Amino acid sequence: MNIIFVPSKCYEARHEGDCKSHPKSTYFYFDIQQGSCLKYQACGHPLAELNMFWSLGDCRAECASPHSVKNIETKRTKKAFNKWRGSCESYIKRKGYPTPPLFNNYDECDEYCLIDP
């Protein structure tokens, strides 16, 4: 079982905004029931604390898992930094998600991504 940690705003209801002072536009929000980002119409502008995003890519980067992790490591599997777990893991490309920086092994990933306290 994979556990994915996401910001608390991803669990909030989508933001509708103030339509008296802003026209409706197309945005994206994370639907926790479906576990994916969906398109919707709302008024206003996305703010950092709202479940409201300019693009599908922005929504996925914040709220949806950018990659799946294999249980068994193979030599051909690239490594990527999982920002929700704070560690480097095996990377599997998923259609529609941006590709993060990839590394040949855990050492390269750790050296590039982790900061010593």
N, C-alpha and C. Protein backbone atom coordinates (compact mmCIF):
# COMPACT_ATOMS: atom_id res chain seq x y z
N MET A 1 0.84 -1.17 0.00
CA MET A 1 0.00 0.00 0.00
C MET A 1 0.89 1.24 0.00
N ASN A 2 0.60 2.18 -0.88
CA ASN A 2 1.32 3.45 -0.92
C ASN A 2 0.52 4.50 -0.18
N ILE A 3 1.18 5.26 0.67
CA ILE A 3 0.56 6.37 1.38
C ILE A 3 1.05 7.65 0.74
N ILE A 4 0.12 8.52 0.39
CA ILE A 4 0.47 9.77 -0.26
C ILE A 4 0.05 10.91 0.65
N PHE A 5 0.99 11.78 0.98
CA PHE A 5 0.69 12.94 1.80
C PHE A 5 0.48 14.14 0.89
N VAL A 6 -0.66 14.81 1.06
CA VAL A 6 -0.96 15.98 0.24
C VAL A 6 -1.29 17.16 1.14
N PRO A 7 -1.16 18.39 0.64
CA PRO A 7 -1.51 19.56 1.44
C PRO A 7 -2.97 19.53 1.87
N SER A 8 -3.27 20.11 3.01
CA SER A 8 -4.64 20.08 3.55
C SER A 8 -5.64 20.75 2.61
N LYS A 9 -5.21 21.73 1.83
CA LYS A 9 -6.15 22.40 0.92
C LYS A 9 -6.74 21.43 -0.11
N CYS A 10 -6.04 20.35 -0.40
CA CYS A 10 -6.53 19.37 -1.37
C CYS A 10 -7.76 18.62 -0.85
N TYR A 11 -7.97 18.64 0.47
CA TYR A 11 -9.13 17.98 1.07
C TYR A 11 -10.31 18.94 1.21
N GLU A 12 -10.08 20.22 0.94
CA GLU A 12 -11.13 21.22 1.07
C GLU A 12 -12.06 21.17 -0.14
N ALA A 13 -13.27 21.73 0.03
CA ALA A 13 -14.20 21.85 -1.09
C ALA A 13 -13.60 22.81 -2.12
N ARG A 14 -14.00 22.65 -3.36
CA ARG A 14 -13.50 23.57 -4.38
C ARG A 14 -13.96 24.99 -4.07
N HIS A 15 -13.16 25.95 -4.46
CA HIS A 15 -13.45 27.36 -4.18
C HIS A 15 -14.31 27.93 -5.30
N GLU A 16 -15.44 28.54 -4.96
CA GLU A 16 -16.34 29.09 -5.97
C GLU A 16 -16.03 30.55 -6.29
N GLY A 17 -15.59 31.33 -5.31
CA GLY A 17 -15.21 32.72 -5.54
C GLY A 17 -16.38 33.69 -5.51
N ASP A 18 -16.06 34.96 -5.75
CA ASP A 18 -17.03 36.05 -5.73
C ASP A 18 -17.34 36.46 -7.16
N CYS A 19 -18.53 36.07 -7.64
CA CYS A 19 -18.90 36.34 -9.04
C CYS A 19 -19.43 37.76 -9.24
N LYS A 20 -19.61 38.52 -8.16
CA LYS A 20 -20.07 39.91 -8.30
C LYS A 20 -18.94 40.80 -8.81
N SER A 21 -17.72 40.49 -8.42
CA SER A 21 -16.60 41.35 -8.81
C SER A 21 -15.61 40.67 -9.77
N HIS A 22 -15.80 39.39 -10.05
CA HIS A 22 -14.90 38.67 -10.96
C HIS A 22 -15.72 37.83 -11.94
N PRO A 23 -15.33 37.79 -13.21
CA PRO A 23 -16.03 36.93 -14.17
C PRO A 23 -15.66 35.46 -13.95
N LYS A 24 -16.51 34.57 -14.44
CA LYS A 24 -16.22 33.14 -14.33
C LYS A 24 -15.11 32.76 -15.31
N SER A 25 -14.26 31.88 -14.86
CA SER A 25 -13.19 31.33 -15.69
C SER A 25 -13.06 29.85 -15.40
N THR A 26 -12.30 29.17 -16.23
CA THR A 26 -12.08 27.74 -16.04
C THR A 26 -10.85 27.51 -15.17
N TYR A 27 -11.02 26.68 -14.15
CA TYR A 27 -9.94 26.33 -13.22
C TYR A 27 -9.99 24.83 -12.98
N PHE A 28 -9.10 24.36 -12.11
CA PHE A 28 -9.07 22.96 -11.73
C PHE A 28 -9.06 22.86 -10.21
N TYR A 29 -9.61 21.76 -9.69
CA TYR A 29 -9.58 21.49 -8.25
C TYR A 29 -9.35 20.00 -8.05
N PHE A 30 -8.90 19.63 -6.87
CA PHE A 30 -8.68 18.22 -6.56
C PHE A 30 -9.92 17.67 -5.89
N ASP A 31 -10.50 16.62 -6.47
CA ASP A 31 -11.67 15.95 -5.91
C ASP A 31 -11.17 14.74 -5.12
N ILE A 32 -11.27 14.82 -3.80
CA ILE A 32 -10.74 13.77 -2.93
C ILE A 32 -11.47 12.44 -3.12
N GLN A 33 -12.76 12.49 -3.46
CA GLN A 33 -13.53 11.26 -3.66
C GLN A 33 -13.03 10.49 -4.89
N GLN A 34 -12.73 11.22 -5.95
CA GLN A 34 -12.24 10.57 -7.18
C GLN A 34 -10.72 10.41 -7.19
N GLY A 35 -10.05 11.16 -6.32
CA GLY A 35 -8.59 11.09 -6.26
C GLY A 35 -7.92 11.68 -7.49
N SER A 36 -8.59 12.67 -8.10
CA SER A 36 -8.01 13.28 -9.30
C SER A 36 -8.43 14.74 -9.41
N CYS A 37 -7.78 15.43 -10.32
CA CYS A 37 -8.07 16.85 -10.55
C CYS A 37 -9.14 16.98 -11.63
N LEU A 38 -10.10 17.86 -11.38
CA LEU A 38 -11.22 18.05 -12.30
C LEU A 38 -11.34 19.52 -12.70
N LYS A 39 -11.89 19.75 -13.89
CA LYS A 39 -12.11 21.09 -14.40
C LYS A 39 -13.44 21.62 -13.87
N TYR A 40 -13.50 22.94 -13.59
CA TYR A 40 -14.76 23.57 -13.18
C TYR A 40 -14.71 25.06 -13.45
N GLN A 41 -15.87 25.71 -13.37
CA GLN A 41 -15.99 27.15 -13.57
C GLN A 41 -16.11 27.83 -12.22
N ALA A 42 -15.36 28.91 -12.01
CA ALA A 42 -15.41 29.65 -10.75
C ALA A 42 -15.03 31.10 -11.01
N CYS A 43 -15.22 31.92 -10.00
CA CYS A 43 -14.88 33.34 -10.08
C CYS A 43 -13.70 33.64 -9.17
N GLY A 44 -12.90 34.63 -9.57
CA GLY A 44 -11.75 35.00 -8.75
C GLY A 44 -10.47 34.42 -9.30
N HIS A 45 -9.47 34.33 -8.43
CA HIS A 45 -8.16 33.84 -8.83
C HIS A 45 -7.66 32.83 -7.82
N PRO A 46 -6.90 31.82 -8.27
CA PRO A 46 -6.33 30.85 -7.34
C PRO A 46 -5.36 31.51 -6.36
N LEU A 47 -5.49 31.16 -5.11
CA LEU A 47 -4.56 31.60 -4.07
C LEU A 47 -3.91 30.37 -3.46
N ALA A 48 -2.77 30.52 -2.83
CA ALA A 48 -1.99 29.39 -2.31
C ALA A 48 -2.78 28.50 -1.37
N GLU A 49 -3.70 29.06 -0.60
CA GLU A 49 -4.42 28.26 0.40
C GLU A 49 -5.72 27.64 -0.12
N LEU A 50 -6.07 27.87 -1.40
CA LEU A 50 -7.33 27.38 -1.95
C LEU A 50 -7.15 26.13 -2.80
N ASN A 51 -8.18 25.29 -2.81
CA ASN A 51 -8.24 24.12 -3.70
C ASN A 51 -8.75 24.62 -5.05
N MET A 52 -7.90 25.41 -5.71
CA MET A 52 -8.24 26.07 -6.97
C MET A 52 -6.93 26.31 -7.71
N PHE A 53 -6.82 25.81 -8.94
CA PHE A 53 -5.56 25.86 -9.67
C PHE A 53 -5.76 26.39 -11.08
N TRP A 54 -4.73 27.07 -11.61
CA TRP A 54 -4.79 27.60 -12.97
C TRP A 54 -4.82 26.49 -14.01
N SER A 55 -4.09 25.41 -13.76
CA SER A 55 -3.97 24.36 -14.78
C SER A 55 -4.08 22.97 -14.16
N LEU A 56 -4.33 22.00 -15.02
CA LEU A 56 -4.39 20.60 -14.60
C LEU A 56 -3.03 20.18 -14.03
N GLY A 57 -1.95 20.62 -14.67
CA GLY A 57 -0.60 20.28 -14.20
C GLY A 57 -0.32 20.83 -12.81
N ASP A 58 -0.75 22.07 -12.54
CA ASP A 58 -0.57 22.66 -11.21
C ASP A 58 -1.31 21.86 -10.15
N CYS A 59 -2.55 21.48 -10.46
CA CYS A 59 -3.36 20.71 -9.52
C CYS A 59 -2.71 19.36 -9.24
N ARG A 60 -2.30 18.68 -10.29
CA ARG A 60 -1.68 17.37 -10.10
C ARG A 60 -0.38 17.46 -9.31
N ALA A 61 0.40 18.50 -9.57
CA ALA A 61 1.68 18.66 -8.86
C ALA A 61 1.47 18.87 -7.37
N GLU A 62 0.41 19.57 -6.98
CA GLU A 62 0.13 19.85 -5.56
C GLU A 62 -0.58 18.70 -4.87
N CYS A 63 -1.59 18.12 -5.54
CA CYS A 63 -2.52 17.25 -4.83
C CYS A 63 -2.52 15.78 -5.24
N ALA A 64 -2.10 15.47 -6.44
CA ALA A 64 -2.12 14.08 -6.90
C ALA A 64 -0.70 13.54 -6.90
N SER A 65 -0.56 12.26 -6.72
CA SER A 65 0.77 11.65 -6.71
C SER A 65 1.41 11.79 -8.08
N PRO A 66 2.61 12.35 -8.15
CA PRO A 66 3.26 12.49 -9.44
C PRO A 66 3.87 11.19 -9.97
N HIS A 67 3.93 10.18 -9.15
CA HIS A 67 4.48 8.91 -9.62
C HIS A 67 4.04 7.76 -8.74
N SER A 68 4.15 6.58 -9.28
CA SER A 68 3.90 5.37 -8.52
C SER A 68 5.24 4.75 -8.15
N VAL A 69 5.27 4.02 -7.09
CA VAL A 69 6.50 3.40 -6.63
C VAL A 69 6.38 1.89 -6.75
N LYS A 70 7.37 1.27 -7.37
CA LYS A 70 7.39 -0.19 -7.47
C LYS A 70 7.87 -0.78 -6.16
N ASN A 71 7.36 -1.95 -5.81
CA ASN A 71 7.82 -2.63 -4.60
C ASN A 71 9.18 -3.29 -4.81
N ILE A 72 9.44 -3.75 -6.02
CA ILE A 72 10.70 -4.42 -6.31
C ILE A 72 11.53 -3.52 -7.22
N GLU A 73 12.71 -3.17 -6.75
CA GLU A 73 13.58 -2.29 -7.52
C GLU A 73 14.28 -3.08 -8.63
N THR A 74 14.35 -2.47 -9.81
CA THR A 74 15.12 -3.07 -10.90
C THR A 74 16.23 -2.09 -11.26
N LYS A 75 17.26 -2.59 -11.92
CA LYS A 75 18.39 -1.75 -12.28
C LYS A 75 18.00 -0.69 -13.30
N ARG A 76 16.99 -0.95 -14.11
CA ARG A 76 16.59 -0.01 -15.15
C ARG A 76 15.64 1.07 -14.64
N THR A 77 15.11 0.95 -13.47
CA THR A 77 14.16 1.92 -12.95
C THR A 77 14.89 3.18 -12.50
N LYS A 78 14.46 4.33 -13.02
CA LYS A 78 15.03 5.61 -12.61
C LYS A 78 14.50 5.98 -11.23
N LYS A 79 15.18 6.90 -10.57
CA LYS A 79 14.78 7.36 -9.24
C LYS A 79 14.32 8.81 -9.34
N ALA A 80 13.36 9.18 -8.49
CA ALA A 80 12.85 10.55 -8.42
C ALA A 80 12.58 10.89 -6.96
N PHE A 81 12.62 12.18 -6.65
CA PHE A 81 12.36 12.63 -5.29
C PHE A 81 10.86 12.74 -5.08
N ASN A 82 10.35 12.07 -4.04
CA ASN A 82 8.94 12.15 -3.66
C ASN A 82 8.82 13.23 -2.59
N LYS A 83 8.28 14.40 -2.97
CA LYS A 83 8.25 15.52 -2.03
C LYS A 83 7.33 15.28 -0.84
N TRP A 84 6.35 14.38 -0.97
CA TRP A 84 5.45 14.11 0.15
C TRP A 84 6.08 13.19 1.18
N ARG A 85 6.95 12.33 0.76
CA ARG A 85 7.64 11.43 1.70
C ARG A 85 9.00 11.95 2.10
N GLY A 86 9.53 12.89 1.32
CA GLY A 86 10.85 13.44 1.62
C GLY A 86 11.98 12.48 1.34
N SER A 87 11.79 11.60 0.33
CA SER A 87 12.83 10.64 0.01
C SER A 87 12.82 10.31 -1.47
N CYS A 88 13.89 9.68 -1.94
CA CYS A 88 14.00 9.25 -3.33
C CYS A 88 13.43 7.85 -3.47
N GLU A 89 12.68 7.63 -4.56
CA GLU A 89 12.01 6.35 -4.78
C GLU A 89 12.06 5.98 -6.26
N SER A 90 11.78 4.73 -6.56
CA SER A 90 11.72 4.29 -7.96
C SER A 90 10.57 5.02 -8.66
N TYR A 91 10.79 5.39 -9.92
CA TYR A 91 9.83 6.20 -10.66
C TYR A 91 9.21 5.41 -11.80
N ILE A 92 7.90 5.55 -11.94
CA ILE A 92 7.16 4.96 -13.06
C ILE A 92 6.38 6.09 -13.71
N LYS A 93 6.59 6.32 -14.99
CA LYS A 93 5.90 7.39 -15.71
C LYS A 93 4.41 7.13 -15.76
N ARG A 94 3.62 8.18 -15.48
CA ARG A 94 2.16 8.11 -15.58
C ARG A 94 1.71 9.16 -16.58
N LYS A 95 0.89 8.76 -17.53
CA LYS A 95 0.40 9.66 -18.57
C LYS A 95 -0.30 10.86 -17.95
N GLY A 96 0.02 12.05 -18.44
CA GLY A 96 -0.64 13.26 -17.99
C GLY A 96 0.03 13.95 -16.81
N TYR A 97 1.08 13.36 -16.27
CA TYR A 97 1.80 13.95 -15.14
C TYR A 97 3.15 14.45 -15.62
N PRO A 98 3.61 15.59 -15.09
CA PRO A 98 4.93 16.08 -15.49
C PRO A 98 6.03 15.14 -14.99
N THR A 99 7.09 15.02 -15.77
CA THR A 99 8.21 14.17 -15.37
C THR A 99 9.17 14.97 -14.50
N PRO A 100 9.42 14.49 -13.28
CA PRO A 100 10.36 15.20 -12.39
C PRO A 100 11.80 14.91 -12.82
N PRO A 101 12.77 15.58 -12.21
CA PRO A 101 14.17 15.22 -12.49
C PRO A 101 14.40 13.75 -12.13
N LEU A 102 15.03 13.01 -13.04
CA LEU A 102 15.26 11.57 -12.83
C LEU A 102 16.75 11.30 -12.64
N PHE A 103 17.03 10.25 -11.87
CA PHE A 103 18.40 9.88 -11.52
C PHE A 103 18.60 8.39 -11.75
N ASN A 104 19.85 8.00 -11.99
CA ASN A 104 20.16 6.60 -12.26
C ASN A 104 20.15 5.73 -11.01
N ASN A 105 20.37 6.33 -9.84
CA ASN A 105 20.39 5.56 -8.60
C ASN A 105 20.02 6.45 -7.42
N TYR A 106 19.84 5.83 -6.26
CA TYR A 106 19.44 6.57 -5.06
C TYR A 106 20.50 7.58 -4.62
N ASP A 107 21.78 7.24 -4.76
CA ASP A 107 22.84 8.15 -4.34
C ASP A 107 22.80 9.46 -5.12
N GLU A 108 22.63 9.36 -6.44
CA GLU A 108 22.53 10.58 -7.26
C GLU A 108 21.32 11.41 -6.84
N CYS A 109 20.21 10.76 -6.63
CA CYS A 109 18.98 11.44 -6.23
C CYS A 109 19.15 12.12 -4.87
N ASP A 110 19.69 11.38 -3.90
CA ASP A 110 19.91 11.94 -2.56
C ASP A 110 20.83 13.16 -2.61
N GLU A 111 21.90 13.05 -3.39
CA GLU A 111 22.88 14.14 -3.47
C GLU A 111 22.25 15.40 -4.05
N TYR A 112 21.38 15.23 -5.03
CA TYR A 112 20.75 16.37 -5.69
C TYR A 112 19.58 16.94 -4.89
N CYS A 113 18.80 16.09 -4.23
CA CYS A 113 17.52 16.50 -3.65
C CYS A 113 17.51 16.73 -2.14
N LEU A 114 18.35 16.04 -1.41
CA LEU A 114 18.28 16.14 0.04
C LEU A 114 19.25 17.17 0.59
N ILE A 115 18.81 17.88 1.62
CA ILE A 115 19.64 18.89 2.27
C ILE A 115 19.97 18.41 3.67
N ASP A 116 21.25 18.45 4.02
CA ASP A 116 21.64 18.06 5.38
C ASP A 116 21.18 19.13 6.36
N PRO A 117 20.57 18.73 7.50
CA PRO A 117 20.10 19.72 8.48
C PRO A 117 21.25 20.40 9.19
